[in-house]
Each structure stands twice: as C-alpha cells, then as structure tokens.
Amino acid sequence: MQSHRDWLLALHGSVCAYCGTETSAEVITLDHVRPRRGQTAYDRPDNLVLACRVCNAAKADTPLVAFLMQKRARGVFLLHYGEHLSEPLKELARQASERPLLPKD
C-alpha cells in the first residue's frame, strides 16, 4: 500500500482527490474509492486515491455515488485526480458531477 501512496504522491502531489485541497504529505490519507470492507481485492491502484482527513472521514463507508451527490464538485475533482481509476468508478464520478443544463430563454 505504501508504494501506491508514493505513486499517487508523485503523480498528483499531496492533493485531496475529493476536494482539491493541498495537504501535507505527512497527513494526507490513502482512500479506497469503493470501500473495501475487509476485502484485499479493493487495494488495487485503480481503487485508491489520496484524500484529506476531513473528506476521508466524511466518506467512511458511504457508497461512492451518495458521497459524490452530497457535493457534486467532488466528482469533478475525482475525475481530475483519479484518471488512473477503473472505468466504472470514473463513470460514477461523471454521472454524479453532471449539472443540469440551464433552461433556454
């Protein structure tokens, strides 16, 4: 897991993938986008992102779509800092971050 953390730090710097906040590398956490609930199969790089402690605690075991729908900007950040994620996770982020079009006059 440390190698995944180091890889993400080198790729994006110490930035939260959910809110875009730059955090010191010593305190930024590694988060499972799809909660693992004890399953090691979810420890793959395409399910891991860096997250600030506030976002990681807020997400906890919340399903990804529900977490992203609470603040739609999270999906935009996740797509930017999670281009390495699996395609199904990126699709969930795209759907959650879509904003309705403004009505035409």
PDB file of N, CA and C in Angstrom:
ATOM      1  N   MET A   1       0.821  -1.193   0.000  1.00  0.00           N
ATOM      2  CA  MET A   1       0.000   0.000   0.000  1.00  0.00           C
ATOM      3  C   MET A   1       0.869   1.263   0.000  1.00  0.00           C
ATOM      4  N   GLN A   2       2.008   1.217   0.668  1.00  0.00           N
ATOM      5  CA  GLN A   2       2.894   2.387   0.693  1.00  0.00           C
ATOM      6  C   GLN A   2       3.354   2.740  -0.714  1.00  0.00           C
ATOM      7  N   SER A   3       3.599   1.722  -1.546  1.00  0.00           N
ATOM      8  CA  SER A   3       4.036   2.007  -2.916  1.00  0.00           C
ATOM      9  C   SER A   3       2.926   2.711  -3.699  1.00  0.00           C
ATOM     10  N   HIS A   4       1.666   2.341  -3.468  1.00  0.00           N
ATOM     11  CA  HIS A   4       0.546   3.020  -4.129  1.00  0.00           C
ATOM     12  C   HIS A   4       0.474   4.477  -3.670  1.00  0.00           C
ATOM     13  N   ARG A   5       0.661   4.697  -2.379  1.00  0.00           N
ATOM     14  CA  ARG A   5       0.628   6.052  -1.818  1.00  0.00           C
ATOM     15  C   ARG A   5       1.747   6.900  -2.436  1.00  0.00           C
ATOM     16  N   ASP A   6       2.956   6.340  -2.469  1.00  0.00           N
ATOM     17  CA  ASP A   6       4.102   7.052  -3.047  1.00  0.00           C
ATOM     18  C   ASP A   6       3.861   7.362  -4.524  1.00  0.00           C
ATOM     19  N   TRP A   7       3.285   6.409  -5.255  1.00  0.00           N
ATOM     20  CA  TRP A   7       2.992   6.597  -6.683  1.00  0.00           C
ATOM     21  C   TRP A   7       1.994   7.742  -6.866  1.00  0.00           C
ATOM     22  N   LEU A   8       0.928   7.772  -6.051  1.00  0.00           N
ATOM     23  CA  LEU A   8      -0.071   8.839  -6.158  1.00  0.00           C
ATOM     24  C   LEU A   8       0.517  10.199  -5.774  1.00  0.00           C
ATOM     25  N   LEU A   9       1.377  10.221  -4.764  1.00  0.00           N
ATOM     26  CA  LEU A   9       2.035  11.477  -4.380  1.00  0.00           C
ATOM     27  C   LEU A   9       2.902  11.997  -5.526  1.00  0.00           C
ATOM     28  N   ALA A  10       3.619  11.098  -6.185  1.00  0.00           N
ATOM     29  CA  ALA A  10       4.466  11.507  -7.314  1.00  0.00           C
ATOM     30  C   ALA A  10       3.614  11.962  -8.506  1.00  0.00           C
ATOM     31  N   LEU A  11       2.461  11.341  -8.690  1.00  0.00           N
ATOM     32  CA  LEU A  11       1.592  11.636  -9.822  1.00  0.00           C
ATOM     33  C   LEU A  11       0.851  12.968  -9.662  1.00  0.00           C
ATOM     34  N   HIS A  12       0.293  13.206  -8.470  1.00  0.00           N
ATOM     35  CA  HIS A  12      -0.578  14.367  -8.259  1.00  0.00           C
ATOM     36  C   HIS A  12      -0.109  15.339  -7.191  1.00  0.00           C
ATOM     37  N   GLY A  13       0.893  14.966  -6.437  1.00  0.00           N
ATOM     38  CA  GLY A  13       1.254  15.774  -5.283  1.00  0.00           C
ATOM     39  C   GLY A  13       0.302  15.459  -4.144  1.00  0.00           C
ATOM     40  N   SER A  14       0.440  16.163  -3.076  1.00  0.00           N
ATOM     41  CA  SER A  14      -0.333  15.890  -1.864  1.00  0.00           C
ATOM     42  C   SER A  14      -1.657  16.665  -1.905  1.00  0.00           C
ATOM     43  N   VAL A  15      -2.529  16.258  -2.841  1.00  0.00           N
ATOM     44  CA  VAL A  15      -3.802  16.946  -3.074  1.00  0.00           C
ATOM     45  C   VAL A  15      -4.945  15.955  -2.888  1.00  0.00           C
ATOM     46  N   CYS A  16      -5.987  16.389  -2.183  1.00  0.00           N
ATOM     47  CA  CYS A  16      -7.162  15.547  -1.963  1.00  0.00           C
ATOM     48  C   CYS A  16      -7.919  15.357  -3.276  1.00  0.00           C
ATOM     49  N   ALA A  17      -8.201  14.107  -3.599  1.00  0.00           N
ATOM     50  CA  ALA A  17      -8.918  13.786  -4.838  1.00  0.00           C
ATOM     51  C   ALA A  17     -10.400  14.115  -4.769  1.00  0.00           C
ATOM     52  N   TYR A  18     -10.910  14.471  -3.590  1.00  0.00           N
ATOM     53  CA  TYR A  18     -12.337  14.785  -3.443  1.00  0.00           C
ATOM     54  C   TYR A  18     -12.630  16.271  -3.340  1.00  0.00           C
ATOM     55  N   CYS A  19     -11.690  17.044  -2.772  1.00  0.00           N
ATOM     56  CA  CYS A  19     -11.976  18.481  -2.610  1.00  0.00           C
ATOM     57  C   CYS A  19     -10.898  19.367  -3.222  1.00  0.00           C
ATOM     58  N   GLY A  20      -9.781  18.785  -3.662  1.00  0.00           N
ATOM     59  CA  GLY A  20      -8.724  19.555  -4.307  1.00  0.00           C
ATOM     60  C   GLY A  20      -7.829  20.322  -3.355  1.00  0.00           C
ATOM     61  N   THR A  21      -7.996  20.109  -2.048  1.00  0.00           N
ATOM     62  CA  THR A  21      -7.193  20.817  -1.058  1.00  0.00           C
ATOM     63  C   THR A  21      -5.797  20.216  -0.970  1.00  0.00           C
ATOM     64  N   GLU A  22      -4.806  21.084  -1.030  1.00  0.00           N
ATOM     65  CA  GLU A  22      -3.426  20.622  -0.851  1.00  0.00           C
ATOM     66  C   GLU A  22      -3.184  20.418   0.632  1.00  0.00           C
ATOM     67  N   THR A  23      -2.668  19.263   0.983  1.00  0.00           N
ATOM     68  CA  THR A  23      -2.449  18.864   2.364  1.00  0.00           C
ATOM     69  C   THR A  23      -1.020  18.355   2.484  1.00  0.00           C
ATOM     70  N   SER A  24      -0.439  18.471   3.651  1.00  0.00           N
ATOM     71  CA  SER A  24       0.936  17.995   3.777  1.00  0.00           C
ATOM     72  C   SER A  24       0.997  16.484   3.536  1.00  0.00           C
ATOM     73  N   ALA A  25       2.060  16.042   2.910  1.00  0.00           N
ATOM     74  CA  ALA A  25       2.219  14.628   2.569  1.00  0.00           C
ATOM     75  C   ALA A  25       2.214  13.737   3.810  1.00  0.00           C
ATOM     76  N   GLU A  26       2.591  14.296   4.949  1.00  0.00           N
ATOM     77  CA  GLU A  26       2.628  13.505   6.179  1.00  0.00           C
ATOM     78  C   GLU A  26       1.229  13.163   6.689  1.00  0.00           C
ATOM     79  N   VAL A  27       0.239  14.002   6.383  1.00  0.00           N
ATOM     80  CA  VAL A  27      -1.100  13.761   6.941  1.00  0.00           C
ATOM     81  C   VAL A  27      -2.147  13.340   5.909  1.00  0.00           C
ATOM     82  N   ILE A  28      -1.834  13.459   4.619  1.00  0.00           N
ATOM     83  CA  ILE A  28      -2.825  13.032   3.621  1.00  0.00           C
ATOM     84  C   ILE A  28      -2.994  11.516   3.715  1.00  0.00           C
ATOM     85  N   THR A  29      -4.221  11.062   3.510  1.00  0.00           N
ATOM     86  CA  THR A  29      -4.515   9.640   3.682  1.00  0.00           C
ATOM     87  C   THR A  29      -4.725   8.963   2.332  1.00  0.00           C
ATOM     88  N   LEU A  30      -4.645   7.663   2.347  1.00  0.00           N
ATOM     89  CA  LEU A  30      -4.936   6.846   1.173  1.00  0.00           C
ATOM     90  C   LEU A  30      -6.361   6.336   1.353  1.00  0.00           C
ATOM     91  N   ASP A  31      -7.212   6.542   0.362  1.00  0.00           N
ATOM     92  CA  ASP A  31      -8.614   6.145   0.496  1.00  0.00           C
ATOM     93  C   ASP A  31      -9.002   5.136  -0.570  1.00  0.00           C
ATOM     94  N   HIS A  32      -9.830   4.177  -0.172  1.00  0.00           N
ATOM     95  CA  HIS A  32     -10.435   3.234  -1.106  1.00  0.00           C
ATOM     96  C   HIS A  32     -11.692   3.897  -1.663  1.00  0.00           C
ATOM     97  N   VAL A  33     -11.709   4.172  -2.951  1.00  0.00           N
ATOM     98  CA  VAL A  33     -12.854   4.843  -3.567  1.00  0.00           C
ATOM     99  C   VAL A  33     -14.105   3.985  -3.378  1.00  0.00           C
ATOM    100  N   ARG A  34     -13.997   2.730  -3.724  1.00  0.00           N
ATOM    101  CA  ARG A  34     -15.064   1.775  -3.431  1.00  0.00           C
ATOM    102  C   ARG A  34     -14.634   1.098  -2.125  1.00  0.00           C
ATOM    103  N   PRO A  35     -15.378   1.312  -1.028  1.00  0.00           N
ATOM    104  CA  PRO A  35     -14.959   0.780   0.278  1.00  0.00           C
ATOM    105  C   PRO A  35     -14.650  -0.705   0.220  1.00  0.00           C
ATOM    106  N   ARG A  36     -13.566  -1.080   0.892  1.00  0.00           N
ATOM    107  CA  ARG A  36     -13.119  -2.465   0.789  1.00  0.00           C
ATOM    108  C   ARG A  36     -13.799  -3.405   1.763  1.00  0.00           C
ATOM    109  N   ARG A  37     -14.241  -2.890   2.902  1.00  0.00           N
ATOM    110  CA  ARG A  37     -14.919  -3.724   3.908  1.00  0.00           C
ATOM    111  C   ARG A  37     -14.168  -5.038   4.146  1.00  0.00           C
ATOM    112  N   GLY A  38     -12.850  -4.917   4.361  1.00  0.00           N
ATOM    113  CA  GLY A  38     -12.041  -6.081   4.696  1.00  0.00           C
ATOM    114  C   GLY A  38     -11.561  -6.908   3.521  1.00  0.00           C
ATOM    115  N   GLN A  39     -11.908  -6.540   2.311  1.00  0.00           N
ATOM    116  CA  GLN A  39     -11.505  -7.319   1.142  1.00  0.00           C
ATOM    117  C   GLN A  39     -10.248  -6.718   0.523  1.00  0.00           C
ATOM    118  N   THR A  40      -9.202  -7.513   0.426  1.00  0.00           N
ATOM    119  CA  THR A  40      -7.933  -7.013  -0.097  1.00  0.00           C
ATOM    120  C   THR A  40      -7.975  -6.780  -1.602  1.00  0.00           C
ATOM    121  N   ALA A  41      -8.954  -7.344  -2.303  1.00  0.00           N
ATOM    122  CA  ALA A  41      -9.055  -7.132  -3.757  1.00  0.00           C
ATOM    123  C   ALA A  41      -9.255  -5.657  -4.076  1.00  0.00           C
ATOM    124  N   TYR A  42      -9.750  -4.890  -3.122  1.00  0.00           N
ATOM    125  CA  TYR A  42     -10.005  -3.480  -3.357  1.00  0.00           C
ATOM    126  C   TYR A  42      -8.770  -2.616  -3.128  1.00  0.00           C
ATOM    127  N   ASP A  43      -7.627  -3.226  -2.815  1.00  0.00           N
ATOM    128  CA  ASP A  43      -6.378  -2.499  -2.588  1.00  0.00           C
ATOM    129  C   ASP A  43      -5.622  -2.210  -3.881  1.00  0.00           C
ATOM    130  N   ARG A  44      -6.266  -2.404  -5.013  1.00  0.00           N
ATOM    131  CA  ARG A  44      -5.621  -2.152  -6.310  1.00  0.00           C
ATOM    132  C   ARG A  44      -5.486  -0.645  -6.547  1.00  0.00           C
ATOM    133  N   PRO A  45      -4.458  -0.233  -7.303  1.00  0.00           N
ATOM    134  CA  PRO A  45      -4.259   1.194  -7.588  1.00  0.00           C
ATOM    135  C   PRO A  45      -5.469   1.854  -8.249  1.00  0.00           C
ATOM    136  N   ASP A  46      -6.250   1.098  -9.035  1.00  0.00           N
ATOM    137  CA  ASP A  46      -7.400   1.709  -9.717  1.00  0.00           C
ATOM    138  C   ASP A  46      -8.613   1.885  -8.798  1.00  0.00           C
ATOM    139  N   ASN A  47      -8.414   1.672  -7.487  1.00  0.00           N
ATOM    140  CA  ASN A  47      -9.463   1.923  -6.491  1.00  0.00           C
ATOM    141  C   ASN A  47      -8.945   2.812  -5.362  1.00  0.00           C
ATOM    142  N   LEU A  48      -7.756   3.384  -5.519  1.00  0.00           N
ATOM    143  CA  LEU A  48      -7.147   4.169  -4.452  1.00  0.00           C
ATOM    144  C   LEU A  48      -6.894   5.612  -4.888  1.00  0.00           C
ATOM    145  N   VAL A  49      -7.143   6.540  -3.978  1.00  0.00           N
ATOM    146  CA  VAL A  49      -6.833   7.956  -4.204  1.00  0.00           C
ATOM    147  C   VAL A  49      -6.297   8.538  -2.903  1.00  0.00           C
ATOM    148  N   LEU A  50      -5.667   9.695  -3.014  1.00  0.00           N
ATOM    149  CA  LEU A  50      -5.257  10.433  -1.827  1.00  0.00           C
ATOM    150  C   LEU A  50      -6.429  11.297  -1.383  1.00  0.00           C
ATOM    151  N   ALA A  51      -6.631  11.384  -0.070  1.00  0.00           N
ATOM    152  CA  ALA A  51      -7.742  12.175   0.462  1.00  0.00           C
ATOM    153  C   ALA A  51      -7.315  12.872   1.740  1.00  0.00           C
ATOM    154  N   CYS A  52      -7.804  14.110   1.904  1.00  0.00           N
ATOM    155  CA  CYS A  52      -7.545  14.802   3.170  1.00  0.00           C
ATOM    156  C   CYS A  52      -8.324  14.070   4.269  1.00  0.00           C
ATOM    157  N   ARG A  53      -7.934  14.284   5.503  1.00  0.00           N
ATOM    158  CA  ARG A  53      -8.589  13.585   6.609  1.00  0.00           C
ATOM    159  C   ARG A  53     -10.072  13.919   6.712  1.00  0.00           C
ATOM    160  N   VAL A  54     -10.427  15.168   6.414  1.00  0.00           N
ATOM    161  CA  VAL A  54     -11.832  15.582   6.502  1.00  0.00           C
ATOM    162  C   VAL A  54     -12.684  14.796   5.502  1.00  0.00           C
ATOM    163  N   CYS A  55     -12.244  14.735   4.248  1.00  0.00           N
ATOM    164  CA  CYS A  55     -13.003  14.000   3.226  1.00  0.00           C
ATOM    165  C   CYS A  55     -13.008  12.503   3.512  1.00  0.00           C
ATOM    166  N   ASN A  56     -11.878  11.958   3.923  1.00  0.00           N
ATOM    167  CA  ASN A  56     -11.810  10.530   4.203  1.00  0.00           C
ATOM    168  C   ASN A  56     -12.768  10.171   5.337  1.00  0.00           C
ATOM    169  N   ALA A  57     -12.811  10.988   6.364  1.00  0.00           N
ATOM    170  CA  ALA A  57     -13.721  10.727   7.492  1.00  0.00           C
ATOM    171  C   ALA A  57     -15.176  10.904   7.059  1.00  0.00           C
ATOM    172  N   ALA A  58     -15.445  11.921   6.220  1.00  0.00           N
ATOM    173  CA  ALA A  58     -16.812  12.159   5.758  1.00  0.00           C
ATOM    174  C   ALA A  58     -17.296  11.015   4.867  1.00  0.00           C
ATOM    175  N   LYS A  59     -16.401  10.476   4.070  1.00  0.00           N
ATOM    176  CA  LYS A  59     -16.782   9.389   3.163  1.00  0.00           C
ATOM    177  C   LYS A  59     -16.952   8.082   3.926  1.00  0.00           C
ATOM    178  N   ALA A  60     -15.994   7.751   4.773  1.00  0.00           N
ATOM    179  CA  ALA A  60     -16.020   6.497   5.544  1.00  0.00           C
ATOM    180  C   ALA A  60     -16.458   5.345   4.637  1.00  0.00           C
ATOM    181  N   ASP A  61     -17.522   4.642   4.981  1.00  0.00           N
ATOM    182  CA  ASP A  61     -18.019   3.536   4.161  1.00  0.00           C
ATOM    183  C   ASP A  61     -19.232   3.929   3.326  1.00  0.00           C
ATOM    184  N   THR A  62     -19.419   5.233   3.121  1.00  0.00           N
ATOM    185  CA  THR A  62     -20.537   5.711   2.311  1.00  0.00           C
ATOM    186  C   THR A  62     -20.340   5.247   0.868  1.00  0.00           C
ATOM    187  N   PRO A  63     -21.389   4.750   0.228  1.00  0.00           N
ATOM    188  CA  PRO A  63     -21.246   4.402  -1.195  1.00  0.00           C
ATOM    189  C   PRO A  63     -20.793   5.630  -1.996  1.00  0.00           C
ATOM    190  N   LEU A  64     -19.979   5.397  -2.998  1.00  0.00           N
ATOM    191  CA  LEU A  64     -19.372   6.490  -3.760  1.00  0.00           C
ATOM    192  C   LEU A  64     -20.410   7.462  -4.312  1.00  0.00           C
ATOM    193  N   VAL A  65     -21.460   6.962  -4.932  1.00  0.00           N
ATOM    194  CA  VAL A  65     -22.444   7.854  -5.541  1.00  0.00           C
ATOM    195  C   VAL A  65     -23.075   8.754  -4.487  1.00  0.00           C
ATOM    196  N   ALA A  66     -23.429   8.204  -3.348  1.00  0.00           N
ATOM    197  CA  ALA A  66     -24.041   9.012  -2.287  1.00  0.00           C
ATOM    198  C   ALA A  66     -23.079  10.090  -1.803  1.00  0.00           C
ATOM    199  N   PHE A  67     -21.809   9.730  -1.636  1.00  0.00           N
ATOM    200  CA  PHE A  67     -20.798  10.693  -1.192  1.00  0.00           C
ATOM    201  C   PHE A  67     -20.629  11.814  -2.213  1.00  0.00           C
ATOM    202  N   LEU A  68     -20.553  11.465  -3.487  1.00  0.00           N
ATOM    203  CA  LEU A  68     -20.374  12.470  -4.535  1.00  0.00           C
ATOM    204  C   LEU A  68     -21.604  13.357  -4.686  1.00  0.00           C
ATOM    205  N   MET A  69     -22.782  12.800  -4.495  1.00  0.00           N
ATOM    206  CA  MET A  69     -24.013  13.580  -4.646  1.00  0.00           C
ATOM    207  C   MET A  69     -24.171  14.619  -3.530  1.00  0.00           C
ATOM    208  N   GLN A  70     -23.536  14.397  -2.389  1.00  0.00           N
ATOM    209  CA  GLN A  70     -23.609  15.370  -1.300  1.00  0.00           C
ATOM    210  C   GLN A  70     -22.983  16.698  -1.715  1.00  0.00           C
ATOM    211  N   LYS A  71     -21.918  16.634  -2.497  1.00  0.00           N
ATOM    212  CA  LYS A  71     -21.238  17.816  -3.038  1.00  0.00           C
ATOM    213  C   LYS A  71     -20.768  17.439  -4.434  1.00  0.00           C
ATOM    214  N   ARG A  72     -21.461  17.924  -5.420  1.00  0.00           N
ATOM    215  CA  ARG A  72     -21.168  17.493  -6.798  1.00  0.00           C
ATOM    216  C   ARG A  72     -19.773  17.873  -7.277  1.00  0.00           C
ATOM    217  N   ALA A  73     -19.161  18.884  -6.680  1.00  0.00           N
ATOM    218  CA  ALA A  73     -17.798  19.257  -7.089  1.00  0.00           C
ATOM    219  C   ALA A  73     -16.815  18.125  -6.817  1.00  0.00           C
ATOM    220  N   ARG A  74     -17.147  17.263  -5.868  1.00  0.00           N
ATOM    221  CA  ARG A  74     -16.248  16.135  -5.572  1.00  0.00           C
ATOM    222  C   ARG A  74     -16.026  15.273  -6.813  1.00  0.00           C
ATOM    223  N   GLY A  75     -17.062  15.083  -7.614  1.00  0.00           N
ATOM    224  CA  GLY A  75     -16.921  14.277  -8.823  1.00  0.00           C
ATOM    225  C   GLY A  75     -15.967  14.904  -9.815  1.00  0.00           C
ATOM    226  N   VAL A  76     -15.993  16.219  -9.912  1.00  0.00           N
ATOM    227  CA  VAL A  76     -15.084  16.937 -10.816  1.00  0.00           C
ATOM    228  C   VAL A  76     -13.640  16.738 -10.357  1.00  0.00           C
ATOM    229  N   PHE A  77     -13.390  16.907  -9.057  1.00  0.00           N
ATOM    230  CA  PHE A  77     -12.036  16.697  -8.532  1.00  0.00           C
ATOM    231  C   PHE A  77     -11.607  15.243  -8.712  1.00  0.00           C
ATOM    232  N   LEU A  78     -12.530  14.316  -8.448  1.00  0.00           N
ATOM    233  CA  LEU A  78     -12.186  12.894  -8.568  1.00  0.00           C
ATOM    234  C   LEU A  78     -11.816  12.534  -9.997  1.00  0.00           C
ATOM    235  N   LEU A  79     -12.506  13.098 -10.966  1.00  0.00           N
ATOM    236  CA  LEU A  79     -12.151  12.824 -12.360  1.00  0.00           C
ATOM    237  C   LEU A  79     -10.774  13.385 -12.704  1.00  0.00           C
ATOM    238  N   HIS A  80     -10.428  14.524 -12.109  1.00  0.00           N
ATOM    239  CA  HIS A  80      -9.120  15.129 -12.379  1.00  0.00           C
ATOM    240  C   HIS A  80      -7.988  14.358 -11.685  1.00  0.00           C
ATOM    241  N   TYR A  81      -8.168  14.075 -10.403  1.00  0.00           N
ATOM    242  CA  TYR A  81      -7.106  13.415  -9.629  1.00  0.00           C
ATOM    243  C   TYR A  81      -7.254  11.901  -9.604  1.00  0.00           C
ATOM    244  N   GLY A  82      -8.188  11.376 -10.368  1.00  0.00           N
ATOM    245  CA  GLY A  82      -8.402   9.938 -10.395  1.00  0.00           C
ATOM    246  C   GLY A  82      -8.452   9.377 -11.801  1.00  0.00           C
ATOM    247  N   GLU A  83      -7.695   9.963 -12.710  1.00  0.00           N
ATOM    248  CA  GLU A  83      -7.712   9.446 -14.081  1.00  0.00           C
ATOM    249  C   GLU A  83      -7.185   8.019 -14.145  1.00  0.00           C
ATOM    250  N   HIS A  84      -6.513   7.554 -13.102  1.00  0.00           N
ATOM    251  CA  HIS A  84      -5.992   6.189 -13.029  1.00  0.00           C
ATOM    252  C   HIS A  84      -7.046   5.197 -12.528  1.00  0.00           C
ATOM    253  N   LEU A  85      -8.208   5.690 -12.094  1.00  0.00           N
ATOM    254  CA  LEU A  85      -9.236   4.810 -11.531  1.00  0.00           C
ATOM    255  C   LEU A  85      -9.854   3.925 -12.610  1.00  0.00           C
ATOM    256  N   SER A  86     -10.505   2.856 -12.174  1.00  0.00           N
ATOM    257  CA  SER A  86     -11.167   1.959 -13.125  1.00  0.00           C
ATOM    258  C   SER A  86     -12.279   2.719 -13.845  1.00  0.00           C
ATOM    259  N   GLU A  87     -12.595   2.290 -15.033  1.00  0.00           N
ATOM    260  CA  GLU A  87     -13.614   2.966 -15.840  1.00  0.00           C
ATOM    261  C   GLU A  87     -14.982   3.021 -15.139  1.00  0.00           C
ATOM    262  N   PRO A  88     -15.430   1.956 -14.464  1.00  0.00           N
ATOM    263  CA  PRO A  88     -16.725   2.060 -13.769  1.00  0.00           C
ATOM    264  C   PRO A  88     -16.738   3.156 -12.688  1.00  0.00           C
ATOM    265  N   LEU A  89     -15.633   3.343 -11.980  1.00  0.00           N
ATOM    266  CA  LEU A  89     -15.575   4.391 -10.962  1.00  0.00           C
ATOM    267  C   LEU A  89     -15.591   5.773 -11.610  1.00  0.00           C
ATOM    268  N   LYS A  90     -14.871   5.914 -12.715  1.00  0.00           N
ATOM    269  CA  LYS A  90     -14.868   7.208 -13.414  1.00  0.00           C
ATOM    270  C   LYS A  90     -16.264   7.517 -13.964  1.00  0.00           C
ATOM    271  N   GLU A  91     -16.968   6.501 -14.437  1.00  0.00           N
ATOM    272  CA  GLU A  91     -18.322   6.717 -14.951  1.00  0.00           C
ATOM    273  C   GLU A  91     -19.256   7.165 -13.833  1.00  0.00           C
ATOM    274  N   LEU A  92     -19.128   6.583 -12.647  1.00  0.00           N
ATOM    275  CA  LEU A  92     -19.932   7.024 -11.497  1.00  0.00           C
ATOM    276  C   LEU A  92     -19.640   8.487 -11.169  1.00  0.00           C
ATOM    277  N   ALA A  93     -18.370   8.860 -11.210  1.00  0.00           N
ATOM    278  CA  ALA A  93     -17.990  10.244 -10.924  1.00  0.00           C
ATOM    279  C   ALA A  93     -18.555  11.186 -11.982  1.00  0.00           C
ATOM    280  N   ARG A  94     -18.527  10.772 -13.247  1.00  0.00           N
ATOM    281  CA  ARG A  94     -19.086  11.599 -14.322  1.00  0.00           C
ATOM    282  C   ARG A  94     -20.579  11.826 -14.103  1.00  0.00           C
ATOM    283  N   GLN A  95     -21.289  10.768 -13.789  1.00  0.00           N
ATOM    284  CA  GLN A  95     -22.735  10.872 -13.590  1.00  0.00           C
ATOM    285  C   GLN A  95     -23.068  11.756 -12.391  1.00  0.00           C
ATOM    286  N   ALA A  96     -22.313  11.594 -11.318  1.00  0.00           N
ATOM    287  CA  ALA A  96     -22.591  12.364 -10.104  1.00  0.00           C
ATOM    288  C   ALA A  96     -22.227  13.835 -10.248  1.00  0.00           C
ATOM    289  N   SER A  97     -21.278  14.155 -11.116  1.00  0.00           N
ATOM    290  CA  SER A  97     -20.833  15.541 -11.237  1.00  0.00           C
ATOM    291  C   SER A  97     -21.578  16.312 -12.314  1.00  0.00           C
ATOM    292  N   GLU A  98     -22.429  15.638 -13.071  1.00  0.00           N
ATOM    293  CA  GLU A  98     -23.170  16.340 -14.121  1.00  0.00           C
ATOM    294  C   GLU A  98     -24.104  17.371 -13.508  1.00  0.00           C
ATOM    295  N   ARG A  99     -24.118  18.516 -14.116  1.00  0.00           N
ATOM    296  CA  ARG A  99     -25.011  19.573 -13.673  1.00  0.00           C
ATOM    297  C   ARG A  99     -26.126  19.709 -14.715  1.00  0.00           C
ATOM    298  N   PRO A 100     -27.342  19.992 -14.272  1.00  0.00           N
ATOM    299  CA  PRO A 100     -28.405  20.180 -15.259  1.00  0.00           C
ATOM    300  C   PRO A 100     -28.139  21.414 -16.109  1.00  0.00           C
ATOM    301  N   LEU A 101     -28.537  21.347 -17.337  1.00  0.00           N
ATOM    302  CA  LEU A 101     -28.374  22.493 -18.228  1.00  0.00           C
ATOM    303  C   LEU A 101     -29.339  23.596 -17.823  1.00  0.00           C
ATOM    304  N   LEU A 102     -28.896  24.810 -17.996  1.00  0.00           N
ATOM    305  CA  LEU A 102     -29.768  25.941 -17.708  1.00  0.00           C
ATOM    306  C   LEU A 102     -30.848  26.004 -18.787  1.00  0.00           C
ATOM    307  N   PRO A 103     -32.082  26.312 -18.398  1.00  0.00           N
ATOM    308  CA  PRO A 103     -33.135  26.413 -19.423  1.00  0.00           C
ATOM    309  C   PRO A 103     -32.862  27.586 -20.348  1.00  0.00           C
ATOM    310  N   LYS A 104     -33.224  27.395 -21.603  1.00  0.00           N
ATOM    311  CA  LYS A 104     -33.057  28.481 -22.589  1.00  0.00           C
ATOM    312  C   LYS A 104     -34.192  29.467 -22.416  1.00  0.00           C
ATOM    313  N   ASP A 105     -33.892  30.731 -22.660  1.00  0.00           N
ATOM    314  CA  ASP A 105     -34.931  31.776 -22.532  1.00  0.00           C
ATOM    315  C   ASP A 105     -35.968  31.677 -23.610  1.00  0.00           C
TER     316      ASP A 105
END
